[in-house]
Amino acid sequence: MSTVLDRDIERILVSQEEIDRVTTRIAAELDRDYKYSKRFLLLCILKGSVVFMGDLMKKVRVPVEIDFMKVSSYSNGTESTGRINILLDLNRRDLSECDVLVVEDIIDSGRTLSYLTEYLRLNGARSVRTCTLLDKPDRRVVEFVPDYVGREIPDEFVIGYGLDYEERYRTLPFVGVLARSVYAPE
């Protein structure tokens, strides 16, 4: 790591190698569960999930389509407002034919995915399931259980592999714990 990263990252929580194993495992589960789907749609929640979905879709062997939504529930870099804002909506006329898998980078409160799954169902999706690279069940404020989980993690502020703090750190090839001094200086 560079000098700046040495200072900013407390420790690596999920290595590149573990991420590769997780994406391989989840892709195999998706191949099994969606082998009879006529329209399997991976729905990436921008921006954080793009790296995870990119790696995941390269390993899925069943026919798959991709699409994107952008949703926000954060007012500053670290705390959720609890209010979900759809910034880029899914615009498909064929949603009723699609088995949608919402791909998320991390679930903490559960509000966003709980809202999105209901939103997609109400808009006519054939089926809706969820997939997350990281799950923080200790932070859950709504009852929500994702269908596919890469790894459960403790309640720490993580960055890398698409996850950011103020738009930085997304390009790191691993998931690291951000040093508290970066986001909560004394």
N, C-alpha and C. Protein backbone atom coordinates (compact mmCIF):
# COMPACT_ATOMS: atom_id res chain seq x y z
N MET A 1 0.84 -1.20 0.00
CA MET A 1 0.00 0.00 0.00
C MET A 1 0.88 1.24 0.00
N SER A 2 0.32 2.30 -0.54
CA SER A 2 1.05 3.56 -0.56
C SER A 2 1.01 4.20 0.81
N THR A 3 1.77 5.25 1.00
CA THR A 3 1.84 5.96 2.28
C THR A 3 0.48 6.47 2.71
N VAL A 4 -0.28 7.07 1.78
CA VAL A 4 -1.61 7.59 2.11
C VAL A 4 -2.50 6.45 2.57
N LEU A 5 -2.48 5.33 1.83
CA LEU A 5 -3.32 4.20 2.20
C LEU A 5 -2.89 3.58 3.52
N ASP A 6 -1.60 3.54 3.77
CA ASP A 6 -1.13 3.04 5.06
C ASP A 6 -1.76 3.81 6.20
N ARG A 7 -1.91 5.10 5.99
CA ARG A 7 -2.48 5.99 7.01
C ARG A 7 -4.00 5.86 7.08
N ASP A 8 -4.65 5.68 5.93
CA ASP A 8 -6.11 5.71 5.85
C ASP A 8 -6.77 4.37 6.14
N ILE A 9 -6.08 3.28 5.90
CA ILE A 9 -6.69 1.97 6.07
C ILE A 9 -6.15 1.30 7.32
N GLU A 10 -7.07 1.00 8.20
CA GLU A 10 -6.72 0.35 9.46
C GLU A 10 -6.24 -1.09 9.23
N ARG A 11 -7.01 -1.83 8.38
CA ARG A 11 -6.63 -3.20 8.05
C ARG A 11 -7.48 -3.70 6.88
N ILE A 12 -7.00 -4.74 6.22
CA ILE A 12 -7.76 -5.40 5.16
C ILE A 12 -8.74 -6.36 5.83
N LEU A 13 -10.01 -6.23 5.48
CA LEU A 13 -11.04 -7.08 6.07
C LEU A 13 -11.38 -8.25 5.15
N VAL A 14 -11.46 -7.99 3.83
CA VAL A 14 -11.76 -9.04 2.85
C VAL A 14 -10.74 -8.91 1.73
N SER A 15 -9.90 -9.91 1.58
CA SER A 15 -8.82 -9.88 0.60
C SER A 15 -9.34 -10.10 -0.82
N GLN A 16 -8.49 -9.79 -1.79
CA GLN A 16 -8.80 -10.06 -3.20
C GLN A 16 -9.13 -11.53 -3.40
N GLU A 17 -8.36 -12.38 -2.79
CA GLU A 17 -8.54 -13.82 -2.94
C GLU A 17 -9.90 -14.26 -2.38
N GLU A 18 -10.27 -13.71 -1.23
CA GLU A 18 -11.57 -14.07 -0.66
C GLU A 18 -12.71 -13.55 -1.53
N ILE A 19 -12.57 -12.34 -2.06
CA ILE A 19 -13.59 -11.79 -2.96
C ILE A 19 -13.76 -12.69 -4.17
N ASP A 20 -12.66 -13.18 -4.72
CA ASP A 20 -12.72 -14.08 -5.87
C ASP A 20 -13.48 -15.37 -5.51
N ARG A 21 -13.21 -15.92 -4.33
CA ARG A 21 -13.92 -17.13 -3.90
C ARG A 21 -15.41 -16.86 -3.71
N VAL A 22 -15.74 -15.70 -3.14
CA VAL A 22 -17.14 -15.33 -2.91
C VAL A 22 -17.89 -15.18 -4.22
N THR A 23 -17.30 -14.47 -5.18
CA THR A 23 -17.99 -14.27 -6.47
C THR A 23 -18.15 -15.59 -7.21
N THR A 24 -17.18 -16.47 -7.11
CA THR A 24 -17.28 -17.80 -7.73
C THR A 24 -18.41 -18.60 -7.09
N ARG A 25 -18.50 -18.58 -5.77
CA ARG A 25 -19.55 -19.32 -5.05
C ARG A 25 -20.93 -18.78 -5.40
N ILE A 26 -21.09 -17.47 -5.35
CA ILE A 26 -22.41 -16.88 -5.64
C ILE A 26 -22.81 -17.14 -7.09
N ALA A 27 -21.87 -17.03 -8.02
CA ALA A 27 -22.18 -17.29 -9.44
C ALA A 27 -22.68 -18.73 -9.61
N ALA A 28 -22.07 -19.67 -8.93
CA ALA A 28 -22.53 -21.08 -9.01
C ALA A 28 -23.94 -21.22 -8.45
N GLU A 29 -24.24 -20.51 -7.36
CA GLU A 29 -25.59 -20.54 -6.79
C GLU A 29 -26.60 -19.94 -7.77
N LEU A 30 -26.22 -18.85 -8.44
CA LEU A 30 -27.11 -18.21 -9.41
C LEU A 30 -27.33 -19.12 -10.62
N ASP A 31 -26.29 -19.78 -11.09
CA ASP A 31 -26.43 -20.72 -12.20
C ASP A 31 -27.43 -21.82 -11.85
N ARG A 32 -27.35 -22.31 -10.62
CA ARG A 32 -28.27 -23.36 -10.16
C ARG A 32 -29.70 -22.82 -10.06
N ASP A 33 -29.86 -21.64 -9.44
CA ASP A 33 -31.20 -21.13 -9.14
C ASP A 33 -31.90 -20.48 -10.33
N TYR A 34 -31.15 -20.02 -11.32
CA TYR A 34 -31.75 -19.33 -12.47
C TYR A 34 -31.61 -20.10 -13.78
N LYS A 35 -31.30 -21.38 -13.70
CA LYS A 35 -31.07 -22.13 -14.94
C LYS A 35 -32.31 -22.23 -15.83
N TYR A 36 -33.50 -22.07 -15.26
CA TYR A 36 -34.72 -22.14 -16.06
C TYR A 36 -35.35 -20.77 -16.31
N SER A 37 -34.69 -19.73 -15.88
CA SER A 37 -35.23 -18.39 -16.08
C SER A 37 -35.16 -18.00 -17.55
N LYS A 38 -36.24 -17.42 -18.05
CA LYS A 38 -36.25 -16.96 -19.44
C LYS A 38 -35.63 -15.58 -19.59
N ARG A 39 -35.74 -14.73 -18.54
CA ARG A 39 -35.17 -13.38 -18.55
C ARG A 39 -34.56 -13.12 -17.18
N PHE A 40 -33.30 -13.41 -17.04
CA PHE A 40 -32.59 -13.21 -15.78
C PHE A 40 -31.88 -11.87 -15.86
N LEU A 41 -32.24 -10.95 -14.96
CA LEU A 41 -31.72 -9.58 -14.99
C LEU A 41 -30.92 -9.29 -13.73
N LEU A 42 -29.64 -8.98 -13.90
CA LEU A 42 -28.82 -8.47 -12.79
C LEU A 42 -29.02 -6.96 -12.76
N LEU A 43 -29.50 -6.46 -11.64
CA LEU A 43 -29.76 -5.04 -11.48
C LEU A 43 -28.75 -4.45 -10.51
N CYS A 44 -27.80 -3.72 -11.06
CA CYS A 44 -26.71 -3.13 -10.27
C CYS A 44 -27.18 -1.82 -9.64
N ILE A 45 -26.93 -1.68 -8.35
CA ILE A 45 -27.23 -0.44 -7.66
C ILE A 45 -25.94 0.39 -7.66
N LEU A 46 -25.99 1.47 -8.44
CA LEU A 46 -24.82 2.34 -8.61
C LEU A 46 -24.58 3.19 -7.38
N LYS A 47 -23.37 3.56 -7.14
CA LYS A 47 -22.14 3.28 -7.84
C LYS A 47 -21.40 2.11 -7.20
N GLY A 48 -21.60 1.90 -5.93
CA GLY A 48 -20.79 0.96 -5.17
C GLY A 48 -20.78 -0.47 -5.67
N SER A 49 -21.88 -0.92 -6.28
CA SER A 49 -21.99 -2.33 -6.66
C SER A 49 -21.39 -2.67 -8.01
N VAL A 50 -20.95 -1.68 -8.75
CA VAL A 50 -20.52 -1.92 -10.12
C VAL A 50 -19.31 -2.87 -10.20
N VAL A 51 -18.39 -2.79 -9.28
CA VAL A 51 -17.21 -3.67 -9.32
C VAL A 51 -17.62 -5.11 -9.02
N PHE A 52 -18.43 -5.27 -7.97
CA PHE A 52 -18.92 -6.60 -7.59
C PHE A 52 -19.74 -7.22 -8.72
N MET A 53 -20.68 -6.46 -9.28
CA MET A 53 -21.50 -7.02 -10.35
C MET A 53 -20.66 -7.35 -11.58
N GLY A 54 -19.68 -6.52 -11.90
CA GLY A 54 -18.81 -6.80 -13.03
C GLY A 54 -18.10 -8.14 -12.88
N ASP A 55 -17.56 -8.39 -11.71
CA ASP A 55 -16.88 -9.67 -11.47
C ASP A 55 -17.88 -10.82 -11.44
N LEU A 56 -19.03 -10.60 -10.81
CA LEU A 56 -20.04 -11.64 -10.69
C LEU A 56 -20.57 -12.06 -12.06
N MET A 57 -20.91 -11.10 -12.89
CA MET A 57 -21.52 -11.43 -14.19
C MET A 57 -20.55 -12.16 -15.11
N LYS A 58 -19.24 -11.96 -14.92
CA LYS A 58 -18.26 -12.68 -15.73
C LYS A 58 -18.21 -14.16 -15.37
N LYS A 59 -18.68 -14.50 -14.16
CA LYS A 59 -18.62 -15.90 -13.71
C LYS A 59 -19.95 -16.64 -13.86
N VAL A 60 -21.04 -15.91 -14.07
CA VAL A 60 -22.35 -16.54 -14.26
C VAL A 60 -22.38 -17.17 -15.65
N ARG A 61 -22.86 -18.40 -15.73
CA ARG A 61 -22.88 -19.12 -17.01
C ARG A 61 -24.26 -19.14 -17.67
N VAL A 62 -25.31 -18.87 -16.91
CA VAL A 62 -26.65 -18.82 -17.51
C VAL A 62 -26.80 -17.49 -18.25
N PRO A 63 -27.69 -17.45 -19.24
CA PRO A 63 -27.91 -16.18 -19.95
C PRO A 63 -28.40 -15.10 -18.98
N VAL A 64 -27.81 -13.92 -19.10
CA VAL A 64 -28.12 -12.84 -18.16
C VAL A 64 -28.15 -11.50 -18.88
N GLU A 65 -29.03 -10.64 -18.42
CA GLU A 65 -29.07 -9.25 -18.88
C GLU A 65 -28.63 -8.39 -17.71
N ILE A 66 -28.21 -7.17 -18.00
CA ILE A 66 -27.83 -6.25 -16.91
C ILE A 66 -28.56 -4.92 -17.08
N ASP A 67 -28.77 -4.27 -15.94
CA ASP A 67 -29.34 -2.93 -15.95
C ASP A 67 -28.88 -2.25 -14.67
N PHE A 68 -29.24 -0.97 -14.54
CA PHE A 68 -28.71 -0.16 -13.44
C PHE A 68 -29.78 0.73 -12.84
N MET A 69 -29.65 0.95 -11.54
CA MET A 69 -30.42 1.97 -10.82
C MET A 69 -29.44 2.71 -9.93
N LYS A 70 -29.78 3.95 -9.63
CA LYS A 70 -28.98 4.71 -8.68
C LYS A 70 -29.93 5.18 -7.59
N VAL A 71 -29.58 4.81 -6.37
CA VAL A 71 -30.42 5.08 -5.21
C VAL A 71 -29.56 5.67 -4.12
N SER A 72 -30.13 6.60 -3.37
CA SER A 72 -29.36 7.21 -2.28
C SER A 72 -30.19 7.27 -1.01
N SER A 73 -29.50 7.03 0.10
CA SER A 73 -30.13 7.22 1.41
C SER A 73 -29.16 7.91 2.36
N TYR A 74 -28.08 8.44 1.81
CA TYR A 74 -27.06 9.08 2.65
C TYR A 74 -27.03 10.58 2.43
N SER A 75 -27.02 11.31 3.54
CA SER A 75 -26.93 12.77 3.45
C SER A 75 -25.49 13.23 3.55
N ASN A 76 -24.71 12.50 4.34
CA ASN A 76 -23.27 12.77 4.38
C ASN A 76 -22.56 11.45 4.14
N GLY A 77 -21.29 11.38 4.30
CA GLY A 77 -20.54 10.18 3.95
C GLY A 77 -20.73 8.97 4.83
N THR A 78 -21.32 9.11 6.02
CA THR A 78 -21.31 7.98 6.94
C THR A 78 -22.67 7.57 7.50
N GLU A 79 -23.65 8.42 7.48
CA GLU A 79 -24.94 8.11 8.10
C GLU A 79 -26.09 8.15 7.12
N SER A 80 -26.96 7.16 7.21
CA SER A 80 -28.15 7.10 6.37
C SER A 80 -29.20 8.06 6.89
N THR A 81 -29.93 8.67 5.96
CA THR A 81 -31.02 9.57 6.35
C THR A 81 -32.28 8.78 6.67
N GLY A 82 -32.35 7.53 6.17
CA GLY A 82 -33.55 6.74 6.34
C GLY A 82 -34.56 6.96 5.23
N ARG A 83 -34.33 7.96 4.40
CA ARG A 83 -35.21 8.26 3.27
C ARG A 83 -34.55 7.78 1.98
N ILE A 84 -35.27 7.02 1.18
CA ILE A 84 -34.72 6.46 -0.05
C ILE A 84 -35.07 7.38 -1.22
N ASN A 85 -34.06 7.77 -1.98
CA ASN A 85 -34.26 8.60 -3.17
C ASN A 85 -33.79 7.82 -4.39
N ILE A 86 -34.67 7.65 -5.37
CA ILE A 86 -34.28 7.01 -6.62
C ILE A 86 -33.77 8.10 -7.55
N LEU A 87 -32.47 8.05 -7.84
CA LEU A 87 -31.82 9.06 -8.67
C LEU A 87 -31.79 8.65 -10.14
N LEU A 88 -31.75 7.33 -10.40
CA LEU A 88 -31.80 6.78 -11.75
C LEU A 88 -32.69 5.55 -11.67
N ASP A 89 -33.83 5.62 -12.34
CA ASP A 89 -34.81 4.54 -12.24
C ASP A 89 -34.60 3.52 -13.35
N LEU A 90 -35.13 2.35 -13.14
CA LEU A 90 -35.13 1.28 -14.12
C LEU A 90 -36.26 1.57 -15.10
N ASN A 91 -35.95 1.61 -16.38
CA ASN A 91 -36.95 1.94 -17.38
C ASN A 91 -37.03 0.80 -18.39
N ARG A 92 -37.85 -0.22 -18.05
CA ARG A 92 -38.00 -1.39 -18.92
C ARG A 92 -39.47 -1.70 -19.11
N ARG A 93 -39.85 -1.95 -20.33
CA ARG A 93 -41.23 -2.34 -20.62
C ARG A 93 -41.45 -3.83 -20.38
N ASP A 94 -40.36 -4.60 -20.30
CA ASP A 94 -40.46 -6.05 -20.16
C ASP A 94 -40.24 -6.54 -18.73
N LEU A 95 -40.39 -5.68 -17.74
CA LEU A 95 -40.10 -6.05 -16.35
C LEU A 95 -40.93 -7.25 -15.90
N SER A 96 -42.16 -7.37 -16.38
CA SER A 96 -43.02 -8.48 -15.97
C SER A 96 -42.49 -9.83 -16.45
N GLU A 97 -41.55 -9.83 -17.37
CA GLU A 97 -40.94 -11.06 -17.86
C GLU A 97 -39.60 -11.36 -17.17
N CYS A 98 -39.15 -10.45 -16.32
CA CYS A 98 -37.80 -10.54 -15.76
C CYS A 98 -37.77 -11.10 -14.34
N ASP A 99 -36.83 -12.02 -14.13
CA ASP A 99 -36.46 -12.46 -12.79
C ASP A 99 -35.30 -11.55 -12.39
N VAL A 100 -35.57 -10.61 -11.49
CA VAL A 100 -34.61 -9.57 -11.14
C VAL A 100 -33.79 -9.99 -9.91
N LEU A 101 -32.49 -9.84 -10.04
CA LEU A 101 -31.60 -10.00 -8.89
C LEU A 101 -30.96 -8.64 -8.64
N VAL A 102 -31.33 -8.02 -7.54
CA VAL A 102 -30.77 -6.72 -7.17
C VAL A 102 -29.39 -6.98 -6.57
N VAL A 103 -28.36 -6.40 -7.17
CA VAL A 103 -26.98 -6.61 -6.73
C VAL A 103 -26.52 -5.37 -5.98
N GLU A 104 -26.16 -5.58 -4.72
CA GLU A 104 -25.76 -4.49 -3.83
C GLU A 104 -24.37 -4.77 -3.29
N ASP A 105 -23.63 -3.71 -2.97
CA ASP A 105 -22.29 -3.88 -2.41
C ASP A 105 -22.34 -4.24 -0.93
N ILE A 106 -23.23 -3.56 -0.18
CA ILE A 106 -23.29 -3.76 1.27
C ILE A 106 -24.70 -3.48 1.77
N ILE A 107 -25.13 -4.27 2.74
CA ILE A 107 -26.41 -4.02 3.40
C ILE A 107 -26.12 -3.76 4.86
N ASP A 108 -26.61 -2.62 5.34
CA ASP A 108 -26.52 -2.38 6.78
C ASP A 108 -27.92 -2.21 7.35
N SER A 109 -28.54 -1.05 7.24
CA SER A 109 -29.87 -0.85 7.83
C SER A 109 -30.92 -1.76 7.19
N GLY A 110 -30.75 -2.08 5.91
CA GLY A 110 -31.72 -2.89 5.20
C GLY A 110 -32.83 -2.07 4.53
N ARG A 111 -32.87 -0.78 4.82
CA ARG A 111 -33.94 0.07 4.29
C ARG A 111 -33.96 0.11 2.76
N THR A 112 -32.79 0.31 2.17
CA THR A 112 -32.72 0.48 0.71
C THR A 112 -33.21 -0.77 -0.01
N LEU A 113 -32.69 -1.93 0.34
CA LEU A 113 -33.10 -3.14 -0.38
C LEU A 113 -34.52 -3.55 -0.05
N SER A 114 -34.96 -3.31 1.15
CA SER A 114 -36.35 -3.58 1.51
C SER A 114 -37.27 -2.73 0.64
N TYR A 115 -36.95 -1.45 0.51
CA TYR A 115 -37.72 -0.54 -0.33
C TYR A 115 -37.67 -0.95 -1.80
N LEU A 116 -36.46 -1.23 -2.30
CA LEU A 116 -36.31 -1.56 -3.72
C LEU A 116 -37.01 -2.85 -4.12
N THR A 117 -36.93 -3.86 -3.28
CA THR A 117 -37.60 -5.12 -3.63
C THR A 117 -39.11 -4.91 -3.73
N GLU A 118 -39.68 -4.18 -2.81
CA GLU A 118 -41.11 -3.89 -2.87
C GLU A 118 -41.43 -3.01 -4.09
N TYR A 119 -40.61 -2.02 -4.35
CA TYR A 119 -40.79 -1.13 -5.50
C TYR A 119 -40.81 -1.93 -6.81
N LEU A 120 -39.86 -2.85 -6.96
CA LEU A 120 -39.78 -3.65 -8.18
C LEU A 120 -40.96 -4.60 -8.31
N ARG A 121 -41.38 -5.18 -7.20
CA ARG A 121 -42.57 -6.05 -7.22
C ARG A 121 -43.81 -5.25 -7.64
N LEU A 122 -43.99 -4.08 -7.04
CA LEU A 122 -45.15 -3.24 -7.38
C LEU A 122 -45.11 -2.78 -8.83
N ASN A 123 -43.92 -2.68 -9.40
CA ASN A 123 -43.78 -2.28 -10.80
C ASN A 123 -43.84 -3.48 -11.75
N GLY A 124 -44.15 -4.65 -11.20
CA GLY A 124 -44.46 -5.80 -12.04
C GLY A 124 -43.38 -6.81 -12.33
N ALA A 125 -42.24 -6.75 -11.64
CA ALA A 125 -41.18 -7.74 -11.89
C ALA A 125 -41.73 -9.15 -11.67
N ARG A 126 -41.33 -10.07 -12.51
CA ARG A 126 -41.78 -11.47 -12.39
C ARG A 126 -41.36 -12.04 -11.04
N SER A 127 -40.11 -11.79 -10.66
CA SER A 127 -39.61 -12.18 -9.33
C SER A 127 -38.49 -11.22 -8.95
N VAL A 128 -38.26 -11.08 -7.65
CA VAL A 128 -37.21 -10.20 -7.16
C VAL A 128 -36.47 -10.90 -6.03
N ARG A 129 -35.16 -10.99 -6.18
CA ARG A 129 -34.28 -11.49 -5.12
C ARG A 129 -33.16 -10.49 -4.95
N THR A 130 -32.37 -10.68 -3.89
CA THR A 130 -31.29 -9.74 -3.59
C THR A 130 -29.98 -10.48 -3.35
N CYS A 131 -28.91 -9.78 -3.69
CA CYS A 131 -27.56 -10.32 -3.53
C CYS A 131 -26.67 -9.20 -3.03
N THR A 132 -25.88 -9.50 -2.02
CA THR A 132 -24.95 -8.50 -1.51
C THR A 132 -23.57 -9.11 -1.29
N LEU A 133 -22.56 -8.33 -1.56
CA LEU A 133 -21.20 -8.78 -1.26
C LEU A 133 -21.02 -8.84 0.25
N LEU A 134 -21.42 -7.76 0.94
CA LEU A 134 -21.20 -7.66 2.38
C LEU A 134 -22.51 -7.43 3.11
N ASP A 135 -22.65 -8.07 4.26
CA ASP A 135 -23.85 -7.92 5.07
C ASP A 135 -23.44 -7.56 6.50
N LYS A 136 -24.06 -6.49 7.01
CA LYS A 136 -23.85 -6.04 8.39
C LYS A 136 -25.15 -6.21 9.16
N PRO A 137 -25.50 -7.41 9.57
CA PRO A 137 -26.79 -7.63 10.24
C PRO A 137 -26.93 -6.87 11.56
N ASP A 138 -25.82 -6.53 12.20
CA ASP A 138 -25.89 -5.78 13.46
C ASP A 138 -26.44 -4.37 13.28
N ARG A 139 -26.44 -3.86 12.06
CA ARG A 139 -26.93 -2.51 11.78
C ARG A 139 -28.38 -2.48 11.29
N ARG A 140 -29.01 -3.65 11.16
CA ARG A 140 -30.34 -3.74 10.59
C ARG A 140 -31.36 -2.98 11.44
N VAL A 141 -32.16 -2.13 10.77
CA VAL A 141 -33.24 -1.41 11.45
C VAL A 141 -34.61 -1.83 10.91
N VAL A 142 -34.62 -2.55 9.78
CA VAL A 142 -35.85 -3.14 9.26
C VAL A 142 -35.59 -4.63 9.11
N GLU A 143 -36.66 -5.39 9.14
CA GLU A 143 -36.51 -6.83 8.98
C GLU A 143 -36.24 -7.14 7.51
N PHE A 144 -35.03 -7.55 7.21
CA PHE A 144 -34.65 -7.84 5.83
C PHE A 144 -33.52 -8.87 5.82
N VAL A 145 -33.70 -9.92 5.03
CA VAL A 145 -32.68 -10.95 4.88
C VAL A 145 -32.38 -11.10 3.39
N PRO A 146 -31.15 -10.81 2.96
CA PRO A 146 -30.81 -10.96 1.53
C PRO A 146 -30.81 -12.44 1.13
N ASP A 147 -31.06 -12.69 -0.15
CA ASP A 147 -31.10 -14.06 -0.65
C ASP A 147 -29.72 -14.66 -0.85
N TYR A 148 -28.77 -13.84 -1.25
CA TYR A 148 -27.39 -14.30 -1.47
C TYR A 148 -26.46 -13.34 -0.76
N VAL A 149 -25.56 -13.89 0.06
CA VAL A 149 -24.63 -13.07 0.84
C VAL A 149 -23.21 -13.56 0.59
N GLY A 150 -22.34 -12.61 0.25
CA GLY A 150 -20.94 -12.95 0.07
C GLY A 150 -20.28 -13.22 1.40
N ARG A 151 -20.41 -12.24 2.29
CA ARG A 151 -19.76 -12.37 3.60
C ARG A 151 -20.42 -11.44 4.60
N GLU A 152 -20.63 -11.95 5.80
CA GLU A 152 -21.11 -11.14 6.91
C GLU A 152 -19.90 -10.45 7.52
N ILE A 153 -20.08 -9.16 7.86
CA ILE A 153 -18.96 -8.41 8.45
C ILE A 153 -19.43 -7.70 9.71
N PRO A 154 -18.48 -7.33 10.57
CA PRO A 154 -18.84 -6.58 11.77
C PRO A 154 -19.18 -5.13 11.42
N ASP A 155 -19.72 -4.42 12.39
CA ASP A 155 -20.14 -3.03 12.20
C ASP A 155 -18.91 -2.11 12.20
N GLU A 156 -18.25 -2.04 11.04
CA GLU A 156 -17.10 -1.17 10.86
C GLU A 156 -17.27 -0.41 9.55
N PHE A 157 -16.63 0.73 9.43
CA PHE A 157 -16.73 1.52 8.20
C PHE A 157 -15.74 0.97 7.19
N VAL A 158 -16.28 0.39 6.10
CA VAL A 158 -15.43 -0.28 5.12
C VAL A 158 -15.42 0.45 3.78
N ILE A 159 -14.29 0.31 3.08
CA ILE A 159 -14.10 0.94 1.78
C ILE A 159 -13.35 -0.04 0.87
N GLY A 160 -13.33 0.27 -0.41
CA GLY A 160 -12.62 -0.56 -1.38
C GLY A 160 -13.57 -1.46 -2.15
N TYR A 161 -13.12 -1.96 -3.29
CA TYR A 161 -13.89 -2.85 -4.14
C TYR A 161 -15.27 -2.25 -4.44
N GLY A 162 -15.26 -0.97 -4.80
CA GLY A 162 -16.50 -0.26 -5.13
C GLY A 162 -17.04 0.60 -4.01
N LEU A 163 -16.76 0.24 -2.78
CA LEU A 163 -17.24 1.01 -1.62
C LEU A 163 -16.37 2.24 -1.43
N ASP A 164 -17.01 3.35 -1.07
CA ASP A 164 -16.25 4.60 -0.99
C ASP A 164 -16.49 5.34 0.31
N TYR A 165 -15.67 6.32 0.49
CA TYR A 165 -15.91 7.39 1.46
C TYR A 165 -15.61 8.67 0.69
N GLU A 166 -16.64 9.50 0.52
CA GLU A 166 -16.52 10.75 -0.25
C GLU A 166 -15.89 10.51 -1.62
N GLU A 167 -16.36 9.45 -2.29
CA GLU A 167 -15.96 9.08 -3.65
C GLU A 167 -14.52 8.58 -3.77
N ARG A 168 -13.84 8.37 -2.67
CA ARG A 168 -12.47 7.84 -2.72
C ARG A 168 -12.46 6.38 -2.32
N TYR A 169 -11.40 5.69 -2.66
CA TYR A 169 -11.10 4.31 -2.27
C TYR A 169 -11.83 3.23 -3.07
N ARG A 170 -12.74 3.58 -3.99
CA ARG A 170 -13.50 2.59 -4.74
C ARG A 170 -12.63 1.61 -5.51
N THR A 171 -11.47 2.06 -5.97
CA THR A 171 -10.63 1.25 -6.85
C THR A 171 -9.73 0.25 -6.13
N LEU A 172 -9.76 0.25 -4.82
CA LEU A 172 -8.94 -0.73 -4.10
C LEU A 172 -9.42 -2.14 -4.43
N PRO A 173 -8.52 -3.09 -4.61
CA PRO A 173 -8.92 -4.44 -5.00
C PRO A 173 -9.38 -5.31 -3.84
N PHE A 174 -9.49 -4.76 -2.66
CA PHE A 174 -9.91 -5.48 -1.45
C PHE A 174 -10.87 -4.59 -0.68
N VAL A 175 -11.46 -5.14 0.38
CA VAL A 175 -12.30 -4.35 1.28
C VAL A 175 -11.50 -4.12 2.55
N GLY A 176 -11.34 -2.84 2.89
CA GLY A 176 -10.57 -2.50 4.08
C GLY A 176 -11.40 -1.70 5.06
N VAL A 177 -10.93 -1.67 6.29
CA VAL A 177 -11.56 -0.85 7.33
C VAL A 177 -10.90 0.52 7.28
N LEU A 178 -11.73 1.54 7.11
CA LEU A 178 -11.23 2.91 7.05
C LEU A 178 -10.88 3.39 8.45
N ALA A 179 -9.71 3.98 8.59
CA ALA A 179 -9.28 4.51 9.88
C ALA A 179 -10.25 5.60 10.33
N ARG A 180 -10.66 5.53 11.56
CA ARG A 180 -11.61 6.48 12.13
C ARG A 180 -11.12 7.93 11.97
N SER A 181 -9.83 8.13 12.03
CA SER A 181 -9.28 9.48 11.91
C SER A 181 -9.60 10.15 10.57
N VAL A 182 -9.93 9.33 9.55
CA VAL A 182 -10.26 9.86 8.21
C VAL A 182 -11.67 10.44 8.18
N TYR A 183 -12.64 9.74 8.79
CA TYR A 183 -14.03 10.19 8.70
C TYR A 183 -14.56 10.81 9.99
N ALA A 184 -13.85 10.73 11.06
CA ALA A 184 -14.27 11.34 12.32
C ALA A 184 -13.08 11.96 13.02
N PRO A 185 -12.45 12.95 12.37
CA PRO A 185 -11.25 13.55 12.98
C PRO A 185 -11.60 14.22 14.31
N GLU A 186 -10.66 14.17 15.21
CA GLU A 186 -10.89 14.74 16.56
C GLU A 186 -10.86 16.24 16.57
